[in-house]
PDB file of N, CA and C in Angstrom:
ATOM      1  N   MET A   1       7.443   4.899  10.540  1.00  0.00           N
ATOM      2  CA  MET A   1       7.126   3.541  10.122  1.00  0.00           C
ATOM      3  C   MET A   1       8.146   3.109   9.071  1.00  0.00           C
ATOM      4  N   ASN A   2       9.360   2.927   9.478  1.00  0.00           N
ATOM      5  CA  ASN A   2      10.428   2.577   8.541  1.00  0.00           C
ATOM      6  C   ASN A   2      11.031   1.206   8.811  1.00  0.00           C
ATOM      7  N   GLU A   3      10.399   0.415   9.686  1.00  0.00           N
ATOM      8  CA  GLU A   3      10.883  -0.938   9.969  1.00  0.00           C
ATOM      9  C   GLU A   3       9.861  -1.949   9.464  1.00  0.00           C
ATOM     10  N   LEU A   4      10.359  -3.086   8.999  1.00  0.00           N
ATOM     11  CA  LEU A   4       9.506  -4.075   8.354  1.00  0.00           C
ATOM     12  C   LEU A   4       8.413  -4.620   9.261  1.00  0.00           C
ATOM     13  N   GLU A   5       8.744  -5.056  10.461  1.00  0.00           N
ATOM     14  CA  GLU A   5       7.735  -5.732  11.285  1.00  0.00           C
ATOM     15  C   GLU A   5       6.555  -4.851  11.667  1.00  0.00           C
ATOM     16  N   PRO A   6       6.754  -3.607  12.123  1.00  0.00           N
ATOM     17  CA  PRO A   6       5.579  -2.763  12.390  1.00  0.00           C
ATOM     18  C   PRO A   6       4.751  -2.492  11.126  1.00  0.00           C
ATOM     19  N   LEU A   7       5.435  -2.333   9.995  1.00  0.00           N
ATOM     20  CA  LEU A   7       4.744  -2.118   8.726  1.00  0.00           C
ATOM     21  C   LEU A   7       3.921  -3.349   8.364  1.00  0.00           C
ATOM     22  N   ARG A   8       4.536  -4.511   8.417  1.00  0.00           N
ATOM     23  CA  ARG A   8       3.846  -5.771   8.113  1.00  0.00           C
ATOM     24  C   ARG A   8       2.652  -5.965   9.044  1.00  0.00           C
ATOM     25  N   ASP A   9       2.837  -5.719  10.331  1.00  0.00           N
ATOM     26  CA  ASP A   9       1.741  -5.861  11.296  1.00  0.00           C
ATOM     27  C   ASP A   9       0.572  -4.956  10.933  1.00  0.00           C
ATOM     28  N   TYR A  10       0.863  -3.721  10.544  1.00  0.00           N
ATOM     29  CA  TYR A  10      -0.206  -2.780  10.188  1.00  0.00           C
ATOM     30  C   TYR A  10      -0.956  -3.257   8.943  1.00  0.00           C
ATOM     31  N   LEU A  11      -0.209  -3.718   7.951  1.00  0.00           N
ATOM     32  CA  LEU A  11      -0.830  -4.195   6.711  1.00  0.00           C
ATOM     33  C   LEU A  11      -1.684  -5.438   6.955  1.00  0.00           C
ATOM     34  N   LEU A  12      -1.190  -6.361   7.756  1.00  0.00           N
ATOM     35  CA  LEU A  12      -1.918  -7.601   8.009  1.00  0.00           C
ATOM     36  C   LEU A  12      -3.091  -7.422   8.973  1.00  0.00           C
ATOM     37  N   ALA A  13      -3.143  -6.299   9.669  1.00  0.00           N
ATOM     38  CA  ALA A  13      -4.266  -6.027  10.575  1.00  0.00           C
ATOM     39  C   ALA A  13      -5.528  -5.623   9.811  1.00  0.00           C
ATOM     40  N   LYS A  14      -5.402  -5.323   8.546  1.00  0.00           N
ATOM     41  CA  LYS A  14      -6.569  -4.964   7.730  1.00  0.00           C
ATOM     42  C   LYS A  14      -7.442  -6.206   7.535  1.00  0.00           C
ATOM     43  N   PRO A  15      -8.761  -6.069   7.642  1.00  0.00           N
ATOM     44  CA  PRO A  15      -9.649  -7.225   7.466  1.00  0.00           C
ATOM     45  C   PRO A  15      -9.405  -7.947   6.141  1.00  0.00           C
ATOM     46  N   GLY A  16      -9.176  -9.248   6.214  1.00  0.00           N
ATOM     47  CA  GLY A  16      -8.981 -10.069   5.021  1.00  0.00           C
ATOM     48  C   GLY A  16      -7.618  -9.965   4.379  1.00  0.00           C
ATOM     49  N   SER A  17      -6.697  -9.234   4.991  1.00  0.00           N
ATOM     50  CA  SER A  17      -5.378  -9.036   4.395  1.00  0.00           C
ATOM     51  C   SER A  17      -4.545 -10.314   4.432  1.00  0.00           C
ATOM     52  N   THR A  18      -3.859 -10.573   3.320  1.00  0.00           N
ATOM     53  CA  THR A  18      -2.935 -11.706   3.234  1.00  0.00           C
ATOM     54  C   THR A  18      -1.602 -11.212   2.671  1.00  0.00           C
ATOM     55  N   GLU A  19      -0.564 -11.972   2.946  1.00  0.00           N
ATOM     56  CA  GLU A  19       0.773 -11.655   2.436  1.00  0.00           C
ATOM     57  C   GLU A  19       1.199 -12.755   1.487  1.00  0.00           C
ATOM     58  N   GLU A  20       1.686 -12.370   0.324  1.00  0.00           N
ATOM     59  CA  GLU A  20       2.133 -13.337  -0.683  1.00  0.00           C
ATOM     60  C   GLU A  20       3.441 -12.847  -1.306  1.00  0.00           C
ATOM     61  N   ARG A  21       4.059 -13.731  -2.089  1.00  0.00           N
ATOM     62  CA  ARG A  21       5.283 -13.368  -2.815  1.00  0.00           C
ATOM     63  C   ARG A  21       5.188 -13.824  -4.278  1.00  0.00           C
ATOM     64  N   PRO A  22       4.193 -13.330  -5.019  1.00  0.00           N
ATOM     65  CA  PRO A  22       4.026 -13.792  -6.399  1.00  0.00           C
ATOM     66  C   PRO A  22       5.102 -13.296  -7.360  1.00  0.00           C
ATOM     67  N   PHE A  23       5.828 -12.254  -6.980  1.00  0.00           N
ATOM     68  CA  PHE A  23       6.855 -11.674  -7.855  1.00  0.00           C
ATOM     69  C   PHE A  23       8.268 -12.080  -7.450  1.00  0.00           C
ATOM     70  N   GLY A  24       8.385 -13.084  -6.584  1.00  0.00           N
ATOM     71  CA  GLY A  24       9.694 -13.531  -6.140  1.00  0.00           C
ATOM     72  C   GLY A  24       9.959 -13.137  -4.692  1.00  0.00           C
ATOM     73  N   PRO A  25      11.133 -13.511  -4.184  1.00  0.00           N
ATOM     74  CA  PRO A  25      11.415 -13.343  -2.760  1.00  0.00           C
ATOM     75  C   PRO A  25      11.636 -11.912  -2.292  1.00  0.00           C
ATOM     76  N   ASP A  26      11.868 -10.981  -3.204  1.00  0.00           N
ATOM     77  CA  ASP A  26      12.200  -9.608  -2.787  1.00  0.00           C
ATOM     78  C   ASP A  26      10.992  -8.703  -2.582  1.00  0.00           C
ATOM     79  N   ALA A  27       9.808  -9.141  -3.007  1.00  0.00           N
ATOM     80  CA  ALA A  27       8.620  -8.286  -2.927  1.00  0.00           C
ATOM     81  C   ALA A  27       7.527  -8.961  -2.111  1.00  0.00           C
ATOM     82  N   LEU A  28       7.118  -8.313  -1.030  1.00  0.00           N
ATOM     83  CA  LEU A  28       5.993  -8.779  -0.231  1.00  0.00           C
ATOM     84  C   LEU A  28       4.745  -8.093  -0.765  1.00  0.00           C
ATOM     85  N   VAL A  29       3.766  -8.892  -1.173  1.00  0.00           N
ATOM     86  CA  VAL A  29       2.532  -8.356  -1.734  1.00  0.00           C
ATOM     87  C   VAL A  29       1.406  -8.596  -0.740  1.00  0.00           C
ATOM     88  N   PHE A  30       0.696  -7.526  -0.426  1.00  0.00           N
ATOM     89  CA  PHE A  30      -0.427  -7.604   0.503  1.00  0.00           C
ATOM     90  C   PHE A  30      -1.705  -7.438  -0.292  1.00  0.00           C
ATOM     91  N   LYS A  31      -2.612  -8.408  -0.099  1.00  0.00           N
ATOM     92  CA  LYS A  31      -3.850  -8.448  -0.865  1.00  0.00           C
ATOM     93  C   LYS A  31      -5.042  -8.534   0.066  1.00  0.00           C
ATOM     94  N   VAL A  32      -6.182  -8.100  -0.468  1.00  0.00           N
ATOM     95  CA  VAL A  32      -7.459  -8.306   0.194  1.00  0.00           C
ATOM     96  C   VAL A  32      -8.367  -8.960  -0.847  1.00  0.00           C
ATOM     97  N   MET A  33      -8.890 -10.119  -0.505  1.00  0.00           N
ATOM     98  CA  MET A  33      -9.749 -10.885  -1.408  1.00  0.00           C
ATOM     99  C   MET A  33      -9.072 -11.066  -2.780  1.00  0.00           C
ATOM    100  N   GLY A  34      -7.773 -11.333  -2.763  1.00  0.00           N
ATOM    101  CA  GLY A  34      -7.026 -11.591  -3.987  1.00  0.00           C
ATOM    102  C   GLY A  34      -6.588 -10.365  -4.770  1.00  0.00           C
ATOM    103  N   LYS A  35      -6.889  -9.171  -4.280  1.00  0.00           N
ATOM    104  CA  LYS A  35      -6.531  -7.929  -4.979  1.00  0.00           C
ATOM    105  C   LYS A  35      -5.442  -7.197  -4.211  1.00  0.00           C
ATOM    106  N   MET A  36      -4.386  -6.813  -4.916  1.00  0.00           N
ATOM    107  CA  MET A  36      -3.239  -6.167  -4.286  1.00  0.00           C
ATOM    108  C   MET A  36      -3.566  -4.741  -3.840  1.00  0.00           C
ATOM    109  N   PHE A  37      -3.172  -4.424  -2.587  1.00  0.00           N
ATOM    110  CA  PHE A  37      -3.285  -3.042  -2.118  1.00  0.00           C
ATOM    111  C   PHE A  37      -1.941  -2.480  -1.658  1.00  0.00           C
ATOM    112  N   ALA A  38      -0.924  -3.330  -1.508  1.00  0.00           N
ATOM    113  CA  ALA A  38       0.407  -2.841  -1.120  1.00  0.00           C
ATOM    114  C   ALA A  38       1.474  -3.816  -1.585  1.00  0.00           C
ATOM    115  N   LEU A  39       2.613  -3.262  -1.953  1.00  0.00           N
ATOM    116  CA  LEU A  39       3.772  -4.060  -2.342  1.00  0.00           C
ATOM    117  C   LEU A  39       4.973  -3.458  -1.622  1.00  0.00           C
ATOM    118  N   VAL A  40       5.675  -4.286  -0.840  1.00  0.00           N
ATOM    119  CA  VAL A  40       6.804  -3.809  -0.048  1.00  0.00           C
ATOM    120  C   VAL A  40       8.103  -4.420  -0.570  1.00  0.00           C
ATOM    121  N   ALA A  41       9.050  -3.566  -0.918  1.00  0.00           N
ATOM    122  CA  ALA A  41      10.408  -4.013  -1.250  1.00  0.00           C
ATOM    123  C   ALA A  41      11.130  -4.147   0.093  1.00  0.00           C
ATOM    124  N   TRP A  42      10.995  -5.304   0.710  1.00  0.00           N
ATOM    125  CA  TRP A  42      11.400  -5.479   2.106  1.00  0.00           C
ATOM    126  C   TRP A  42      12.906  -5.548   2.303  1.00  0.00           C
ATOM    127  N   GLN A  43      13.657  -5.789   1.242  1.00  0.00           N
ATOM    128  CA  GLN A  43      15.113  -5.820   1.395  1.00  0.00           C
ATOM    129  C   GLN A  43      15.762  -4.483   1.029  1.00  0.00           C
ATOM    130  N   ALA A  44      14.973  -3.555   0.537  1.00  0.00           N
ATOM    131  CA  ALA A  44      15.512  -2.234   0.185  1.00  0.00           C
ATOM    132  C   ALA A  44      15.890  -1.476   1.450  1.00  0.00           C
ATOM    133  N   GLN A  45      16.919  -0.674   1.346  1.00  0.00           N
ATOM    134  CA  GLN A  45      17.340   0.183   2.455  1.00  0.00           C
ATOM    135  C   GLN A  45      17.398   1.613   1.957  1.00  0.00           C
ATOM    136  N   PRO A  46      16.486   2.469   2.365  1.00  0.00           N
ATOM    137  CA  PRO A  46      15.354   2.195   3.239  1.00  0.00           C
ATOM    138  C   PRO A  46      14.243   1.429   2.513  1.00  0.00           C
ATOM    139  N   LEU A  47      13.316   0.901   3.303  1.00  0.00           N
ATOM    140  CA  LEU A  47      12.180   0.180   2.746  1.00  0.00           C
ATOM    141  C   LEU A  47      11.402   1.065   1.782  1.00  0.00           C
ATOM    142  N   THR A  48      10.758   0.441   0.797  1.00  0.00           N
ATOM    143  CA  THR A  48       9.810   1.171  -0.036  1.00  0.00           C
ATOM    144  C   THR A  48       8.500   0.390  -0.044  1.00  0.00           C
ATOM    145  N   ILE A  49       7.410   1.132  -0.203  1.00  0.00           N
ATOM    146  CA  ILE A  49       6.088   0.532  -0.287  1.00  0.00           C
ATOM    147  C   ILE A  49       5.355   1.188  -1.449  1.00  0.00           C
ATOM    148  N   SER A  50       4.697   0.375  -2.256  1.00  0.00           N
ATOM    149  CA  SER A  50       3.873   0.884  -3.344  1.00  0.00           C
ATOM    150  C   SER A  50       2.423   0.723  -2.942  1.00  0.00           C
ATOM    151  N   LEU A  51       1.653   1.799  -3.151  1.00  0.00           N
ATOM    152  CA  LEU A  51       0.266   1.847  -2.706  1.00  0.00           C
ATOM    153  C   LEU A  51      -0.632   2.419  -3.788  1.00  0.00           C
ATOM    154  N   LYS A  52      -1.817   1.849  -3.901  1.00  0.00           N
ATOM    155  CA  LYS A  52      -2.823   2.371  -4.820  1.00  0.00           C
ATOM    156  C   LYS A  52      -3.276   3.735  -4.305  1.00  0.00           C
ATOM    157  N   CYS A  53      -3.613   4.630  -5.243  1.00  0.00           N
ATOM    158  CA  CYS A  53      -3.964   5.988  -4.834  1.00  0.00           C
ATOM    159  C   CYS A  53      -4.858   6.630  -5.894  1.00  0.00           C
ATOM    160  N   ASP A  54      -5.801   7.442  -5.447  1.00  0.00           N
ATOM    161  CA  ASP A  54      -6.590   8.255  -6.359  1.00  0.00           C
ATOM    162  C   ASP A  54      -5.614   9.111  -7.172  1.00  0.00           C
ATOM    163  N   PRO A  55      -5.794   9.208  -8.493  1.00  0.00           N
ATOM    164  CA  PRO A  55      -4.826   9.947  -9.321  1.00  0.00           C
ATOM    165  C   PRO A  55      -4.569  11.388  -8.876  1.00  0.00           C
ATOM    166  N   HIS A  56      -5.598  12.105  -8.465  1.00  0.00           N
ATOM    167  CA  HIS A  56      -5.393  13.498  -8.041  1.00  0.00           C
ATOM    168  C   HIS A  56      -4.596  13.565  -6.744  1.00  0.00           C
ATOM    169  N   LEU A  57      -4.928  12.688  -5.799  1.00  0.00           N
ATOM    170  CA  LEU A  57      -4.188  12.636  -4.541  1.00  0.00           C
ATOM    171  C   LEU A  57      -2.754  12.175  -4.791  1.00  0.00           C
ATOM    172  N   ALA A  58      -2.578  11.230  -5.713  1.00  0.00           N
ATOM    173  CA  ALA A  58      -1.231  10.737  -6.033  1.00  0.00           C
ATOM    174  C   ALA A  58      -0.330  11.887  -6.475  1.00  0.00           C
ATOM    175  N   GLU A  59      -0.842  12.739  -7.352  1.00  0.00           N
ATOM    176  CA  GLU A  59      -0.068  13.891  -7.822  1.00  0.00           C
ATOM    177  C   GLU A  59       0.245  14.852  -6.677  1.00  0.00           C
ATOM    178  N   MET A  60      -0.741  15.091  -5.823  1.00  0.00           N
ATOM    179  CA  MET A  60      -0.534  16.002  -4.700  1.00  0.00           C
ATOM    180  C   MET A  60       0.556  15.468  -3.755  1.00  0.00           C
ATOM    181  N   LEU A  61       0.506  14.162  -3.468  1.00  0.00           N
ATOM    182  CA  LEU A  61       1.500  13.570  -2.575  1.00  0.00           C
ATOM    183  C   LEU A  61       2.897  13.635  -3.193  1.00  0.00           C
ATOM    184  N   ARG A  62       2.983  13.425  -4.494  1.00  0.00           N
ATOM    185  CA  ARG A  62       4.282  13.505  -5.177  1.00  0.00           C
ATOM    186  C   ARG A  62       4.851  14.919  -5.117  1.00  0.00           C
ATOM    187  N   THR A  63       3.977  15.907  -5.194  1.00  0.00           N
ATOM    188  CA  THR A  63       4.402  17.303  -5.121  1.00  0.00           C
ATOM    189  C   THR A  63       4.816  17.680  -3.701  1.00  0.00           C
ATOM    190  N   THR A  64       4.111  17.109  -2.717  1.00  0.00           N
ATOM    191  CA  THR A  64       4.346  17.452  -1.314  1.00  0.00           C
ATOM    192  C   THR A  64       5.582  16.784  -0.742  1.00  0.00           C
ATOM    193  N   TYR A  65       5.790  15.528  -1.095  1.00  0.00           N
ATOM    194  CA  TYR A  65       6.867  14.736  -0.487  1.00  0.00           C
ATOM    195  C   TYR A  65       7.846  14.229  -1.546  1.00  0.00           C
ATOM    196  N   GLY A  66       9.117  14.500  -1.336  1.00  0.00           N
ATOM    197  CA  GLY A  66      10.144  13.992  -2.240  1.00  0.00           C
ATOM    198  C   GLY A  66      10.269  12.478  -2.210  1.00  0.00           C
ATOM    199  N   ALA A  67       9.820  11.843  -1.131  1.00  0.00           N
ATOM    200  CA  ALA A  67       9.918  10.393  -0.986  1.00  0.00           C
ATOM    201  C   ALA A  67       8.776   9.661  -1.684  1.00  0.00           C
ATOM    202  N   VAL A  68       7.852  10.401  -2.302  1.00  0.00           N
ATOM    203  CA  VAL A  68       6.735   9.789  -3.029  1.00  0.00           C
ATOM    204  C   VAL A  68       6.948  10.008  -4.514  1.00  0.00           C
ATOM    205  N   ARG A  69       6.935   8.920  -5.271  1.00  0.00           N
ATOM    206  CA  ARG A  69       7.127   9.020  -6.714  1.00  0.00           C
ATOM    207  C   ARG A  69       6.155   8.064  -7.419  1.00  0.00           C
ATOM    208  N   PRO A  70       6.010   8.190  -8.721  1.00  0.00           N
ATOM    209  CA  PRO A  70       5.097   7.296  -9.433  1.00  0.00           C
ATOM    210  C   PRO A  70       5.445   5.834  -9.182  1.00  0.00           C
ATOM    211  N   GLY A  71       4.426   4.990  -9.166  1.00  0.00           N
ATOM    212  CA  GLY A  71       4.607   3.568  -8.861  1.00  0.00           C
ATOM    213  C   GLY A  71       5.661   2.898  -9.719  1.00  0.00           C
ATOM    214  N   TYR A  72       6.573   2.208  -9.076  1.00  0.00           N
ATOM    215  CA  TYR A  72       7.658   1.495  -9.755  1.00  0.00           C
ATOM    216  C   TYR A  72       7.101   0.202 -10.323  1.00  0.00           C
ATOM    217  N   HIS A  73       7.165   0.029 -11.635  1.00  0.00           N
ATOM    218  CA  HIS A  73       6.643  -1.148 -12.350  1.00  0.00           C
ATOM    219  C   HIS A  73       5.140  -1.329 -12.156  1.00  0.00           C
ATOM    220  N   LEU A  74       4.422  -0.242 -11.904  1.00  0.00           N
ATOM    221  CA  LEU A  74       2.975  -0.284 -11.717  1.00  0.00           C
ATOM    222  C   LEU A  74       2.362   0.850 -12.527  1.00  0.00           C
ATOM    223  N   ASN A  75       1.046   0.870 -12.610  1.00  0.00           N
ATOM    224  CA  ASN A  75       0.355   1.947 -13.302  1.00  0.00           C
ATOM    225  C   ASN A  75       0.664   3.259 -12.583  1.00  0.00           C
ATOM    226  N   LYS A  76       1.425   4.103 -13.220  1.00  0.00           N
ATOM    227  CA  LYS A  76       1.929   5.317 -12.575  1.00  0.00           C
ATOM    228  C   LYS A  76       0.824   6.337 -12.280  1.00  0.00           C
ATOM    229  N   ARG A  77      -0.303   6.207 -12.902  1.00  0.00           N
ATOM    230  CA  ARG A  77      -1.428   7.107 -12.627  1.00  0.00           C
ATOM    231  C   ARG A  77      -2.116   6.725 -11.323  1.00  0.00           C
ATOM    232  N   HIS A  78      -2.160   5.435 -11.016  1.00  0.00           N
ATOM    233  CA  HIS A  78      -2.928   4.933  -9.873  1.00  0.00           C
ATOM    234  C   HIS A  78      -2.089   4.397  -8.713  1.00  0.00           C
ATOM    235  N   TRP A  79      -0.780   4.385  -8.849  1.00  0.00           N
ATOM    236  CA  TRP A  79       0.081   3.830  -7.798  1.00  0.00           C
ATOM    237  C   TRP A  79       1.228   4.787  -7.502  1.00  0.00           C
ATOM    238  N   ASN A  80       1.568   4.887  -6.227  1.00  0.00           N
ATOM    239  CA  ASN A  80       2.748   5.621  -5.769  1.00  0.00           C
ATOM    240  C   ASN A  80       3.701   4.653  -5.092  1.00  0.00           C
ATOM    241  N   THR A  81       4.977   4.899  -5.252  1.00  0.00           N
ATOM    242  CA  THR A  81       5.997   4.192  -4.484  1.00  0.00           C
ATOM    243  C   THR A  81       6.565   5.187  -3.490  1.00  0.00           C
ATOM    244  N   VAL A  82       6.551   4.789  -2.221  1.00  0.00           N
ATOM    245  CA  VAL A  82       6.953   5.667  -1.124  1.00  0.00           C
ATOM    246  C   VAL A  82       8.211   5.111  -0.464  1.00  0.00           C
ATOM    247  N   THR A  83       9.234   5.924  -0.368  1.00  0.00           N
ATOM    248  CA  THR A  83      10.448   5.537   0.346  1.00  0.00           C
ATOM    249  C   THR A  83      10.240   5.860   1.822  1.00  0.00           C
ATOM    250  N   LEU A  84      10.392   4.851   2.663  1.00  0.00           N
ATOM    251  CA  LEU A  84      10.153   5.000   4.102  1.00  0.00           C
ATOM    252  C   LEU A  84      11.445   5.414   4.804  1.00  0.00           C
ATOM    253  N   ASP A  85      11.800   6.682   4.600  1.00  0.00           N
ATOM    254  CA  ASP A  85      13.064   7.219   5.103  1.00  0.00           C
ATOM    255  C   ASP A  85      12.867   8.204   6.256  1.00  0.00           C
ATOM    256  N   ASP A  86      11.691   8.174   6.887  1.00  0.00           N
ATOM    257  CA  ASP A  86      11.334   9.066   7.994  1.00  0.00           C
ATOM    258  C   ASP A  86      11.090  10.506   7.566  1.00  0.00           C
ATOM    259  N   SER A  87      11.035  10.778   6.267  1.00  0.00           N
ATOM    260  CA  SER A  87      10.750  12.142   5.822  1.00  0.00           C
ATOM    261  C   SER A  87       9.245  12.422   5.794  1.00  0.00           C
ATOM    262  N   ILE A  88       8.443  11.365   5.908  1.00  0.00           N
ATOM    263  CA  ILE A  88       6.987  11.490   5.944  1.00  0.00           C
ATOM    264  C   ILE A  88       6.524  10.983   7.309  1.00  0.00           C
ATOM    265  N   PRO A  89       5.684  11.734   8.004  1.00  0.00           N
ATOM    266  CA  PRO A  89       5.206  11.276   9.319  1.00  0.00           C
ATOM    267  C   PRO A  89       4.511   9.914   9.224  1.00  0.00           C
ATOM    268  N   SER A  90       4.701   9.090  10.250  1.00  0.00           N
ATOM    269  CA  SER A  90       4.103   7.747  10.280  1.00  0.00           C
ATOM    270  C   SER A  90       2.596   7.795  10.101  1.00  0.00           C
ATOM    271  N   GLU A  91       1.952   8.794  10.675  1.00  0.00           N
ATOM    272  CA  GLU A  91       0.496   8.916  10.544  1.00  0.00           C
ATOM    273  C   GLU A  91       0.099   9.094   9.080  1.00  0.00           C
ATOM    274  N   GLU A  92       0.883   9.846   8.335  1.00  0.00           N
ATOM    275  CA  GLU A  92       0.607  10.045   6.900  1.00  0.00           C
ATOM    276  C   GLU A  92       0.806   8.740   6.134  1.00  0.00           C
ATOM    277  N   ILE A  93       1.822   7.978   6.489  1.00  0.00           N
ATOM    278  CA  ILE A  93       2.047   6.673   5.849  1.00  0.00           C
ATOM    279  C   ILE A  93       0.856   5.758   6.123  1.00  0.00           C
ATOM    280  N   ARG A  94       0.404   5.713   7.381  1.00  0.00           N
ATOM    281  CA  ARG A  94      -0.764   4.885   7.712  1.00  0.00           C
ATOM    282  C   ARG A  94      -1.998   5.333   6.922  1.00  0.00           C
ATOM    283  N   GLU A  95      -2.154   6.627   6.752  1.00  0.00           N
ATOM    284  CA  GLU A  95      -3.288   7.138   5.980  1.00  0.00           C
ATOM    285  C   GLU A  95      -3.193   6.706   4.516  1.00  0.00           C
ATOM    286  N   MET A  96      -1.985   6.731   3.952  1.00  0.00           N
ATOM    287  CA  MET A  96      -1.797   6.268   2.573  1.00  0.00           C
ATOM    288  C   MET A  96      -2.161   4.785   2.452  1.00  0.00           C
ATOM    289  N   ILE A  97      -1.747   3.987   3.433  1.00  0.00           N
ATOM    290  CA  ILE A  97      -2.073   2.561   3.440  1.00  0.00           C
ATOM    291  C   ILE A  97      -3.585   2.373   3.549  1.00  0.00           C
ATOM    292  N   ASP A  98      -4.211   3.103   4.471  1.00  0.00           N
ATOM    293  CA  ASP A  98      -5.663   3.006   4.656  1.00  0.00           C
ATOM    294  C   ASP A  98      -6.397   3.373   3.364  1.00  0.00           C
ATOM    295  N   ASN A  99      -5.947   4.417   2.692  1.00  0.00           N
ATOM    296  CA  ASN A  99      -6.580   4.839   1.442  1.00  0.00           C
ATOM    297  C   ASN A  99      -6.426   3.781   0.356  1.00  0.00           C
ATOM    298  N   SER A 100      -5.248   3.180   0.259  1.00  0.00           N
ATOM    299  CA  SER A 100      -5.018   2.133  -0.732  1.00  0.00           C
ATOM    300  C   SER A 100      -5.948   0.950  -0.485  1.00  0.00           C
ATOM    301  N   TYR A 101      -6.006   0.514   0.759  1.00  0.00           N
ATOM    302  CA  TYR A 101      -6.881  -0.593   1.133  1.00  0.00           C
ATOM    303  C   TYR A 101      -8.339  -0.253   0.798  1.00  0.00           C
ATOM    304  N   ALA A 102      -8.775   0.949   1.164  1.00  0.00           N
ATOM    305  CA  ALA A 102     -10.164   1.364   0.926  1.00  0.00           C
ATOM    306  C   ALA A 102     -10.495   1.403  -0.565  1.00  0.00           C
ATOM    307  N   LEU A 103      -9.562   1.872  -1.389  1.00  0.00           N
ATOM    308  CA  LEU A 103      -9.795   1.900  -2.835  1.00  0.00           C
ATOM    309  C   LEU A 103     -10.002   0.498  -3.393  1.00  0.00           C
ATOM    310  N   VAL A 104      -9.213  -0.449  -2.916  1.00  0.00           N
ATOM    311  CA  VAL A 104      -9.332  -1.825  -3.400  1.00  0.00           C
ATOM    312  C   VAL A 104     -10.634  -2.449  -2.898  1.00  0.00           C
ATOM    313  N   VAL A 105     -10.936  -2.273  -1.628  1.00  0.00           N
ATOM    314  CA  VAL A 105     -12.155  -2.847  -1.054  1.00  0.00           C
ATOM    315  C   VAL A 105     -13.392  -2.285  -1.750  1.00  0.00           C
ATOM    316  N   LYS A 106     -13.367  -1.006  -2.062  1.00  0.00           N
ATOM    317  CA  LYS A 106     -14.500  -0.348  -2.719  1.00  0.00           C
ATOM    318  C   LYS A 106     -14.853  -1.019  -4.047  1.00  0.00           C
ATOM    319  N   ARG A 107     -13.870  -1.577  -4.723  1.00  0.00           N
ATOM    320  CA  ARG A 107     -14.077  -2.211  -6.034  1.00  0.00           C
ATOM    321  C   ARG A 107     -14.458  -3.691  -5.937  1.00  0.00           C
ATOM    322  N   LEU A 108     -14.457  -4.242  -4.729  1.00  0.00           N
ATOM    323  CA  LEU A 108     -14.825  -5.651  -4.548  1.00  0.00           C
ATOM    324  C   LEU A 108     -16.325  -5.824  -4.724  1.00  0.00           C
ATOM    325  N   LYS A 109     -16.719  -7.057  -5.014  1.00  0.00           N
ATOM    326  CA  LYS A 109     -18.140  -7.386  -5.079  1.00  0.00           C
ATOM    327  C   LYS A 109     -18.751  -7.179  -3.703  1.00  0.00           C
ATOM    328  N   ARG A 110     -20.027  -6.848  -3.692  1.00  0.00           N
ATOM    329  CA  ARG A 110     -20.742  -6.615  -2.438  1.00  0.00           C
ATOM    330  C   ARG A 110     -20.616  -7.820  -1.503  1.00  0.00           C
ATOM    331  N   ALA A 111     -20.744  -9.021  -2.054  1.00  0.00           N
ATOM    332  CA  ALA A 111     -20.653 -10.238  -1.232  1.00  0.00           C
ATOM    333  C   ALA A 111     -19.291 -10.346  -0.560  1.00  0.00           C
ATOM    334  N   ASP A 112     -18.239  -9.971  -1.274  1.00  0.00           N
ATOM    335  CA  ASP A 112     -16.887 -10.013  -0.692  1.00  0.00           C
ATOM    336  C   ASP A 112     -16.730  -8.952   0.395  1.00  0.00           C
ATOM    337  N   ARG A 113     -17.295  -7.763   0.161  1.00  0.00           N
ATOM    338  CA  ARG A 113     -17.244  -6.717   1.194  1.00  0.00           C
ATOM    339  C   ARG A 113     -18.007  -7.167   2.444  1.00  0.00           C
ATOM    340  N   GLU A 114     -19.120  -7.845   2.238  1.00  0.00           N
ATOM    341  CA  GLU A 114     -19.902  -8.346   3.373  1.00  0.00           C
ATOM    342  C   GLU A 114     -19.105  -9.386   4.169  1.00  0.00           C
ATOM    343  N   LYS A 115     -18.363 -10.253   3.458  1.00  0.00           N
ATOM    344  CA  LYS A 115     -17.506 -11.246   4.138  1.00  0.00           C
ATOM    345  C   LYS A 115     -16.469 -10.554   5.025  1.00  0.00           C
ATOM    346  N   LEU A 116     -16.021  -9.403   4.597  1.00  0.00           N
ATOM    347  CA  LEU A 116     -15.028  -8.637   5.361  1.00  0.00           C
ATOM    348  C   LEU A 116     -15.668  -7.823   6.474  1.00  0.00           C
ATOM    349  N   GLY A 117     -16.990  -7.754   6.457  1.00  0.00           N
ATOM    350  CA  GLY A 117     -17.693  -6.934   7.443  1.00  0.00           C
ATOM    351  C   GLY A 117     -17.702  -5.460   7.058  1.00  0.00           C
ATOM    352  N   ILE A 118     -17.486  -5.190   5.767  1.00  0.00           N
ATOM    353  CA  ILE A 118     -17.449  -3.832   5.247  1.00  0.00           C
ATOM    354  C   ILE A 118     -18.558  -3.706   4.197  1.00  0.00           C
ATOM    355  N   ILE A 119     -19.470  -2.818   4.425  1.00  0.00           N
ATOM    356  CA  ILE A 119     -20.573  -2.682   3.445  1.00  0.00           C
ATOM    357  C   ILE A 119     -20.665  -1.302   2.911  1.00  0.00           C
TER     358      ILE A 119
END
């Protein structure tokens, strides 16, 4: 998953997902109910994506994969920045995205989760 369009399609397929550019033209921000779950440096070569992560899992992923490092310009305890250089299997990248989305959705109000069809 190292190309922009398949990555964007996967991110936007999440219930309630939107794409914005609040930090300028170089960063694509993906949100659910106004809360960020992914940030893509879409002009970087290779692409990078920052994802929310449980702190313990974040440390484990950083130890396991050289392409995973503390979140760039984000809370380094709760965010990882992943370089999409094909060194991590696509399935693992999708799992990281799913986990980030789930962490954000879990913190939403019950009414917002119900709007998404997630309870």
